Amino acid sequence: MSNQEYLTIGNLDSQLFDSIGKHLITDEVIFTYERINHVETKRFQLFHEVKHFLPNALYSPDYIYRDWNNRQNTFVLIKSLNSQKNLNIVLKIALLNDEKHSKNSIITMIKIGNKTFNKIKKNKKENLLFKRLDNYE
């Protein structure tokens, strides 16, 4: 990919992914313009609203889930934006054995309220790979 096809958004904590058994090719996370357009079309101005927050959400997510749609090497990262809203980021990660994807890439993202997030925690608990210890329930 040439640099005109995507924005570099931030980095993942590679030690965090190593601890859940996923060895990354790179910690760099990109967002292709095609995917940004998808997010902006479906969720008006979401990228522009949260772009300053994305690097922290990627490096220090509150929760990491295996993708519940069974897409290989795809994970859902959730980070609390405030007491009412959470950011749900679907991320394709580039693993050491992945010859097709050389960079980690955001597929989509959405803001979710606490009610939806509580449903995820209840219904997708078998997919939970990581929970930040300072998130008390």
N, C-alpha and C. Protein backbone atom coordinates (compact mmCIF):
# COMPACT_ATOMS: atom_id res chain seq x y z
N MET A 1 0.84 -1.19 0.00
CA MET A 1 0.00 0.00 0.00
C MET A 1 0.87 1.24 0.00
N SER A 2 0.53 2.18 -0.82
CA SER A 2 1.24 3.45 -0.79
C SER A 2 0.65 4.31 0.31
N ASN A 3 1.40 5.30 0.73
CA ASN A 3 0.98 6.14 1.83
C ASN A 3 -0.28 6.93 1.52
N GLN A 4 -0.65 7.09 0.23
CA GLN A 4 -1.85 7.83 -0.11
C GLN A 4 -3.13 7.03 0.10
N GLU A 5 -3.03 5.74 0.36
CA GLU A 5 -4.20 4.90 0.51
C GLU A 5 -4.70 4.80 1.95
N TYR A 6 -3.92 5.25 2.91
CA TYR A 6 -4.30 5.09 4.31
C TYR A 6 -3.67 6.15 5.20
N LEU A 7 -4.22 6.26 6.40
CA LEU A 7 -3.65 7.10 7.46
C LEU A 7 -3.07 6.18 8.52
N THR A 8 -1.91 6.53 9.03
CA THR A 8 -1.39 5.82 10.19
C THR A 8 -2.07 6.42 11.41
N ILE A 9 -2.71 5.56 12.20
CA ILE A 9 -3.52 6.03 13.33
C ILE A 9 -2.78 5.95 14.65
N GLY A 10 -2.03 4.89 14.86
CA GLY A 10 -1.34 4.71 16.13
C GLY A 10 -0.68 3.35 16.18
N ASN A 11 -0.47 2.87 17.41
CA ASN A 11 0.21 1.60 17.61
C ASN A 11 -0.53 0.75 18.63
N LEU A 12 -0.35 -0.55 18.50
CA LEU A 12 -0.85 -1.50 19.48
C LEU A 12 0.25 -1.78 20.50
N ASP A 13 -0.13 -2.19 21.67
CA ASP A 13 0.81 -2.66 22.68
C ASP A 13 1.12 -4.12 22.34
N SER A 14 2.25 -4.37 21.68
CA SER A 14 2.56 -5.72 21.22
C SER A 14 2.68 -6.70 22.37
N GLN A 15 3.12 -6.26 23.54
CA GLN A 15 3.20 -7.15 24.70
C GLN A 15 1.82 -7.62 25.13
N LEU A 16 0.82 -6.76 24.99
CA LEU A 16 -0.55 -7.13 25.32
C LEU A 16 -1.03 -8.25 24.40
N PHE A 17 -0.76 -8.12 23.11
CA PHE A 17 -1.17 -9.16 22.16
C PHE A 17 -0.34 -10.43 22.33
N ASP A 18 0.94 -10.29 22.67
CA ASP A 18 1.75 -11.48 22.97
C ASP A 18 1.15 -12.25 24.15
N SER A 19 0.65 -11.50 25.14
CA SER A 19 0.10 -12.15 26.34
C SER A 19 -1.18 -12.93 26.05
N ILE A 20 -1.89 -12.60 24.95
CA ILE A 20 -3.07 -13.37 24.59
C ILE A 20 -2.77 -14.34 23.45
N GLY A 21 -1.47 -14.54 23.18
CA GLY A 21 -1.04 -15.56 22.23
C GLY A 21 -1.07 -15.15 20.78
N LYS A 22 -1.01 -13.85 20.51
CA LYS A 22 -1.01 -13.36 19.14
C LYS A 22 0.27 -12.56 18.92
N HIS A 23 1.10 -13.01 18.00
CA HIS A 23 2.39 -12.38 17.76
C HIS A 23 2.31 -11.53 16.50
N LEU A 24 2.39 -10.23 16.70
CA LEU A 24 2.18 -9.26 15.62
C LEU A 24 3.40 -9.10 14.73
N ILE A 25 3.17 -8.86 13.44
CA ILE A 25 4.24 -8.49 12.51
C ILE A 25 4.72 -7.09 12.85
N THR A 26 3.77 -6.20 13.14
CA THR A 26 4.06 -4.80 13.44
C THR A 26 3.05 -4.32 14.47
N ASP A 27 3.39 -3.26 15.17
CA ASP A 27 2.42 -2.67 16.10
C ASP A 27 1.67 -1.50 15.46
N GLU A 28 2.05 -1.11 14.25
CA GLU A 28 1.43 0.01 13.55
C GLU A 28 -0.02 -0.31 13.16
N VAL A 29 -0.92 0.66 13.34
CA VAL A 29 -2.32 0.51 12.95
C VAL A 29 -2.65 1.58 11.92
N ILE A 30 -3.26 1.12 10.82
CA ILE A 30 -3.66 2.05 9.76
C ILE A 30 -5.17 2.06 9.62
N PHE A 31 -5.66 3.07 8.92
CA PHE A 31 -7.08 3.19 8.59
C PHE A 31 -7.12 3.60 7.12
N THR A 32 -7.58 2.70 6.25
CA THR A 32 -7.60 3.03 4.83
C THR A 32 -8.67 4.07 4.56
N TYR A 33 -8.47 4.85 3.52
CA TYR A 33 -9.45 5.87 3.16
C TYR A 33 -10.79 5.24 2.80
N GLU A 34 -10.75 4.05 2.22
CA GLU A 34 -12.00 3.35 1.89
C GLU A 34 -12.77 3.02 3.18
N ARG A 35 -12.07 2.58 4.22
CA ARG A 35 -12.72 2.25 5.50
C ARG A 35 -13.16 3.52 6.23
N ILE A 36 -12.37 4.58 6.15
CA ILE A 36 -12.79 5.85 6.75
C ILE A 36 -14.08 6.32 6.09
N ASN A 37 -14.16 6.21 4.77
CA ASN A 37 -15.37 6.59 4.05
C ASN A 37 -16.56 5.74 4.51
N HIS A 38 -16.32 4.46 4.70
CA HIS A 38 -17.38 3.56 5.20
C HIS A 38 -17.91 4.05 6.55
N VAL A 39 -16.99 4.34 7.47
CA VAL A 39 -17.39 4.80 8.81
C VAL A 39 -18.13 6.13 8.72
N GLU A 40 -17.61 7.06 7.94
CA GLU A 40 -18.23 8.38 7.82
C GLU A 40 -19.60 8.30 7.14
N THR A 41 -19.77 7.38 6.21
CA THR A 41 -21.06 7.22 5.54
C THR A 41 -22.10 6.62 6.48
N LYS A 42 -21.69 5.62 7.23
CA LYS A 42 -22.63 4.92 8.13
C LYS A 42 -22.84 5.65 9.45
N ARG A 43 -21.81 6.30 9.94
CA ARG A 43 -21.84 6.92 11.27
C ARG A 43 -21.29 8.34 11.16
N PHE A 44 -22.10 9.22 10.70
CA PHE A 44 -21.74 10.60 10.35
C PHE A 44 -20.78 11.23 11.35
N GLN A 45 -19.62 11.63 10.85
CA GLN A 45 -18.60 12.37 11.59
C GLN A 45 -17.95 11.60 12.74
N LEU A 46 -18.17 10.29 12.86
CA LEU A 46 -17.59 9.54 13.98
C LEU A 46 -16.07 9.59 13.95
N PHE A 47 -15.45 9.36 12.79
CA PHE A 47 -13.99 9.37 12.73
C PHE A 47 -13.44 10.71 13.17
N HIS A 48 -14.03 11.79 12.67
CA HIS A 48 -13.54 13.11 13.05
C HIS A 48 -13.78 13.41 14.53
N GLU A 49 -14.82 12.82 15.08
CA GLU A 49 -15.14 13.03 16.50
C GLU A 49 -14.15 12.30 17.41
N VAL A 50 -13.68 11.12 17.00
CA VAL A 50 -12.85 10.30 17.89
C VAL A 50 -11.40 10.14 17.45
N LYS A 51 -11.00 10.77 16.35
CA LYS A 51 -9.65 10.52 15.83
C LYS A 51 -8.55 10.90 16.82
N HIS A 52 -8.78 11.90 17.64
CA HIS A 52 -7.78 12.27 18.65
C HIS A 52 -7.69 11.22 19.75
N PHE A 53 -8.73 10.45 19.94
CA PHE A 53 -8.83 9.45 20.99
C PHE A 53 -8.35 8.06 20.53
N LEU A 54 -8.33 7.84 19.22
CA LEU A 54 -8.01 6.52 18.67
C LEU A 54 -6.64 5.96 19.08
N PRO A 55 -5.55 6.73 19.04
CA PRO A 55 -4.26 6.13 19.43
C PRO A 55 -4.29 5.52 20.83
N ASN A 56 -4.91 6.20 21.79
CA ASN A 56 -5.01 5.66 23.15
C ASN A 56 -5.92 4.44 23.19
N ALA A 57 -7.03 4.47 22.45
CA ALA A 57 -7.96 3.34 22.43
C ALA A 57 -7.29 2.09 21.86
N LEU A 58 -6.43 2.27 20.86
CA LEU A 58 -5.73 1.14 20.26
C LEU A 58 -4.62 0.60 21.15
N TYR A 59 -3.86 1.49 21.76
CA TYR A 59 -2.72 1.06 22.58
C TYR A 59 -3.16 0.51 23.93
N SER A 60 -4.24 1.05 24.45
CA SER A 60 -4.66 0.69 25.80
C SER A 60 -6.17 0.40 25.85
N PRO A 61 -6.63 -0.63 25.15
CA PRO A 61 -8.07 -0.93 25.17
C PRO A 61 -8.49 -1.45 26.54
N ASP A 62 -9.76 -1.24 26.86
CA ASP A 62 -10.28 -1.76 28.11
C ASP A 62 -10.66 -3.23 27.99
N TYR A 63 -11.08 -3.65 26.79
CA TYR A 63 -11.46 -5.03 26.53
C TYR A 63 -10.98 -5.42 25.14
N ILE A 64 -10.62 -6.70 24.99
CA ILE A 64 -10.33 -7.26 23.68
C ILE A 64 -11.12 -8.56 23.56
N TYR A 65 -11.88 -8.65 22.47
CA TYR A 65 -12.67 -9.85 22.19
C TYR A 65 -12.21 -10.45 20.87
N ARG A 66 -12.31 -11.79 20.76
CA ARG A 66 -12.22 -12.42 19.44
C ARG A 66 -13.44 -11.96 18.67
N ASP A 67 -13.30 -11.73 17.41
CA ASP A 67 -14.43 -11.29 16.59
C ASP A 67 -15.54 -12.34 16.65
N TRP A 68 -16.74 -11.91 16.96
CA TRP A 68 -17.84 -12.87 17.11
C TRP A 68 -18.46 -13.28 15.79
N ASN A 69 -17.98 -12.69 14.68
CA ASN A 69 -18.41 -13.14 13.36
C ASN A 69 -17.43 -14.17 12.79
N ASN A 70 -16.51 -14.64 13.63
CA ASN A 70 -15.56 -15.69 13.29
C ASN A 70 -14.61 -15.32 12.15
N ARG A 71 -14.33 -14.04 11.99
CA ARG A 71 -13.32 -13.64 11.00
C ARG A 71 -11.95 -13.88 11.63
N GLN A 72 -11.10 -14.60 10.91
CA GLN A 72 -9.79 -14.96 11.44
C GLN A 72 -8.91 -13.72 11.59
N ASN A 73 -8.17 -13.67 12.67
CA ASN A 73 -7.23 -12.58 12.99
C ASN A 73 -7.92 -11.22 13.09
N THR A 74 -9.20 -11.24 13.45
CA THR A 74 -9.95 -10.00 13.64
C THR A 74 -10.39 -9.93 15.10
N PHE A 75 -10.21 -8.77 15.69
CA PHE A 75 -10.52 -8.60 17.10
C PHE A 75 -11.37 -7.35 17.29
N VAL A 76 -12.11 -7.33 18.38
CA VAL A 76 -12.93 -6.19 18.75
C VAL A 76 -12.29 -5.57 19.99
N LEU A 77 -11.88 -4.32 19.86
CA LEU A 77 -11.31 -3.58 20.98
C LEU A 77 -12.36 -2.59 21.47
N ILE A 78 -12.55 -2.54 22.76
CA ILE A 78 -13.54 -1.61 23.32
C ILE A 78 -12.84 -0.72 24.34
N LYS A 79 -13.08 0.57 24.21
CA LYS A 79 -12.50 1.56 25.11
C LYS A 79 -13.60 2.50 25.55
N SER A 80 -13.66 2.78 26.83
CA SER A 80 -14.65 3.71 27.36
C SER A 80 -14.30 5.14 26.95
N LEU A 81 -15.28 5.84 26.36
CA LEU A 81 -15.09 7.25 26.01
C LEU A 81 -15.45 8.14 27.19
N ASN A 82 -16.51 7.75 27.89
CA ASN A 82 -16.97 8.47 29.08
C ASN A 82 -17.91 7.53 29.83
N SER A 83 -18.62 8.02 30.81
CA SER A 83 -19.48 7.15 31.61
C SER A 83 -20.70 6.64 30.85
N GLN A 84 -20.99 7.22 29.69
CA GLN A 84 -22.17 6.83 28.92
C GLN A 84 -21.86 6.08 27.62
N LYS A 85 -20.70 6.33 27.03
CA LYS A 85 -20.40 5.81 25.70
C LYS A 85 -19.06 5.06 25.67
N ASN A 86 -19.01 4.07 24.81
CA ASN A 86 -17.82 3.27 24.58
C ASN A 86 -17.54 3.24 23.09
N LEU A 87 -16.28 3.08 22.74
CA LEU A 87 -15.89 2.97 21.34
C LEU A 87 -15.56 1.53 21.05
N ASN A 88 -16.25 0.96 20.08
CA ASN A 88 -16.08 -0.42 19.65
C ASN A 88 -15.31 -0.37 18.32
N ILE A 89 -14.09 -0.92 18.29
CA ILE A 89 -13.24 -0.89 17.11
C ILE A 89 -13.01 -2.32 16.64
N VAL A 90 -13.35 -2.59 15.38
CA VAL A 90 -13.07 -3.90 14.79
C VAL A 90 -11.75 -3.76 14.05
N LEU A 91 -10.79 -4.61 14.43
CA LEU A 91 -9.42 -4.47 13.98
C LEU A 91 -8.91 -5.78 13.39
N LYS A 92 -8.41 -5.70 12.18
CA LYS A 92 -7.73 -6.83 11.53
C LYS A 92 -6.27 -6.73 11.90
N ILE A 93 -5.75 -7.77 12.57
CA ILE A 93 -4.35 -7.70 12.98
C ILE A 93 -3.48 -8.53 12.05
N ALA A 94 -2.26 -8.06 11.86
CA ALA A 94 -1.29 -8.74 11.02
C ALA A 94 -0.40 -9.60 11.91
N LEU A 95 -0.55 -10.91 11.78
CA LEU A 95 0.22 -11.84 12.60
C LEU A 95 1.44 -12.33 11.85
N LEU A 96 2.37 -12.90 12.59
CA LEU A 96 3.63 -13.34 11.99
C LEU A 96 3.45 -14.30 10.82
N ASN A 97 2.40 -15.11 10.84
CA ASN A 97 2.19 -16.07 9.76
C ASN A 97 1.29 -15.54 8.64
N ASP A 98 0.94 -14.26 8.69
CA ASP A 98 0.02 -13.67 7.72
C ASP A 98 0.83 -13.02 6.59
N GLU A 99 0.79 -13.64 5.42
CA GLU A 99 1.55 -13.10 4.28
C GLU A 99 0.77 -12.05 3.51
N LYS A 100 -0.56 -12.00 3.70
CA LYS A 100 -1.40 -11.06 2.94
C LYS A 100 -1.45 -9.68 3.58
N HIS A 101 -1.50 -9.62 4.90
CA HIS A 101 -1.66 -8.34 5.61
C HIS A 101 -0.36 -8.00 6.34
N SER A 102 0.25 -6.89 5.94
CA SER A 102 1.51 -6.49 6.56
C SER A 102 1.32 -5.42 7.63
N LYS A 103 0.09 -4.92 7.76
CA LYS A 103 -0.20 -3.89 8.76
C LYS A 103 -1.52 -4.21 9.44
N ASN A 104 -1.63 -3.78 10.70
CA ASN A 104 -2.89 -3.89 11.41
C ASN A 104 -3.81 -2.80 10.87
N SER A 105 -5.08 -3.12 10.70
CA SER A 105 -5.97 -2.18 10.02
C SER A 105 -7.34 -2.14 10.68
N ILE A 106 -7.85 -0.93 10.88
CA ILE A 106 -9.21 -0.75 11.40
C ILE A 106 -10.19 -1.10 10.29
N ILE A 107 -11.12 -1.99 10.59
CA ILE A 107 -12.16 -2.37 9.63
C ILE A 107 -13.35 -1.43 9.76
N THR A 108 -13.79 -1.23 11.00
CA THR A 108 -14.89 -0.31 11.26
C THR A 108 -14.88 0.04 12.74
N MET A 109 -15.72 0.98 13.10
CA MET A 109 -15.88 1.33 14.51
C MET A 109 -17.25 1.95 14.70
N ILE A 110 -17.70 1.89 15.95
CA ILE A 110 -19.01 2.43 16.29
C ILE A 110 -19.01 2.81 17.77
N LYS A 111 -19.75 3.84 18.08
CA LYS A 111 -19.97 4.18 19.49
C LYS A 111 -21.13 3.34 19.99
N ILE A 112 -20.98 2.78 21.17
CA ILE A 112 -22.05 2.00 21.78
C ILE A 112 -22.31 2.52 23.19
N GLY A 113 -23.57 2.46 23.58
CA GLY A 113 -23.95 2.87 24.92
C GLY A 113 -23.70 1.76 25.93
N ASN A 114 -23.88 2.07 27.18
CA ASN A 114 -23.63 1.09 28.24
C ASN A 114 -24.57 -0.11 28.16
N LYS A 115 -25.81 0.10 27.73
CA LYS A 115 -26.76 -1.01 27.62
C LYS A 115 -26.26 -2.04 26.60
N THR A 116 -25.83 -1.56 25.43
CA THR A 116 -25.30 -2.45 24.40
C THR A 116 -24.01 -3.10 24.87
N PHE A 117 -23.15 -2.33 25.53
CA PHE A 117 -21.90 -2.88 26.01
C PHE A 117 -22.14 -3.96 27.06
N ASN A 118 -23.08 -3.74 27.94
CA ASN A 118 -23.40 -4.76 28.94
C ASN A 118 -23.93 -6.04 28.30
N LYS A 119 -24.67 -5.91 27.20
CA LYS A 119 -25.13 -7.09 26.45
C LYS A 119 -23.94 -7.84 25.86
N ILE A 120 -22.97 -7.10 25.32
CA ILE A 120 -21.77 -7.72 24.77
C ILE A 120 -21.05 -8.49 25.87
N LYS A 121 -20.86 -7.85 27.02
CA LYS A 121 -20.14 -8.50 28.12
C LYS A 121 -20.86 -9.77 28.56
N LYS A 122 -22.18 -9.75 28.54
CA LYS A 122 -22.95 -10.92 28.96
C LYS A 122 -22.97 -12.00 27.89
N ASN A 123 -23.25 -11.63 26.64
CA ASN A 123 -23.47 -12.60 25.58
C ASN A 123 -22.20 -13.07 24.88
N LYS A 124 -21.13 -12.32 24.98
CA LYS A 124 -19.90 -12.66 24.27
C LYS A 124 -18.75 -12.98 25.22
N LYS A 125 -19.07 -13.35 26.45
CA LYS A 125 -18.02 -13.57 27.44
C LYS A 125 -17.06 -14.69 27.05
N GLU A 126 -17.53 -15.66 26.24
CA GLU A 126 -16.62 -16.73 25.79
C GLU A 126 -15.60 -16.21 24.78
N ASN A 127 -15.84 -15.04 24.20
CA ASN A 127 -14.92 -14.44 23.24
C ASN A 127 -13.93 -13.48 23.90
N LEU A 128 -14.09 -13.22 25.19
CA LEU A 128 -13.24 -12.27 25.89
C LEU A 128 -11.81 -12.80 25.99
N LEU A 129 -10.86 -12.02 25.51
CA LEU A 129 -9.44 -12.37 25.58
C LEU A 129 -8.69 -11.54 26.62
N PHE A 130 -9.15 -10.31 26.84
CA PHE A 130 -8.45 -9.41 27.74
C PHE A 130 -9.43 -8.42 28.35
N LYS A 131 -9.23 -8.15 29.64
CA LYS A 131 -10.01 -7.14 30.35
C LYS A 131 -9.03 -6.37 31.23
N ARG A 132 -9.02 -5.05 31.07
CA ARG A 132 -8.12 -4.22 31.88
C ARG A 132 -8.52 -4.39 33.35
N LEU A 133 -7.52 -4.62 34.19
CA LEU A 133 -7.79 -4.91 35.61
C LEU A 133 -8.43 -3.77 36.36
N ASP A 134 -8.24 -2.54 35.91
CA ASP A 134 -8.83 -1.42 36.63
C ASP A 134 -10.28 -1.16 36.25
N ASN A 135 -10.89 -2.06 35.47
CA ASN A 135 -12.32 -1.95 35.12
C ASN A 135 -13.13 -2.80 36.09
N TYR A 136 -13.54 -2.21 37.16
CA TYR A 136 -14.32 -2.95 38.15
C TYR A 136 -15.78 -2.93 37.78
N GLU A 137 -16.45 -4.03 37.99
CA GLU A 137 -17.88 -4.11 37.66
C GLU A 137 -18.68 -4.37 38.91
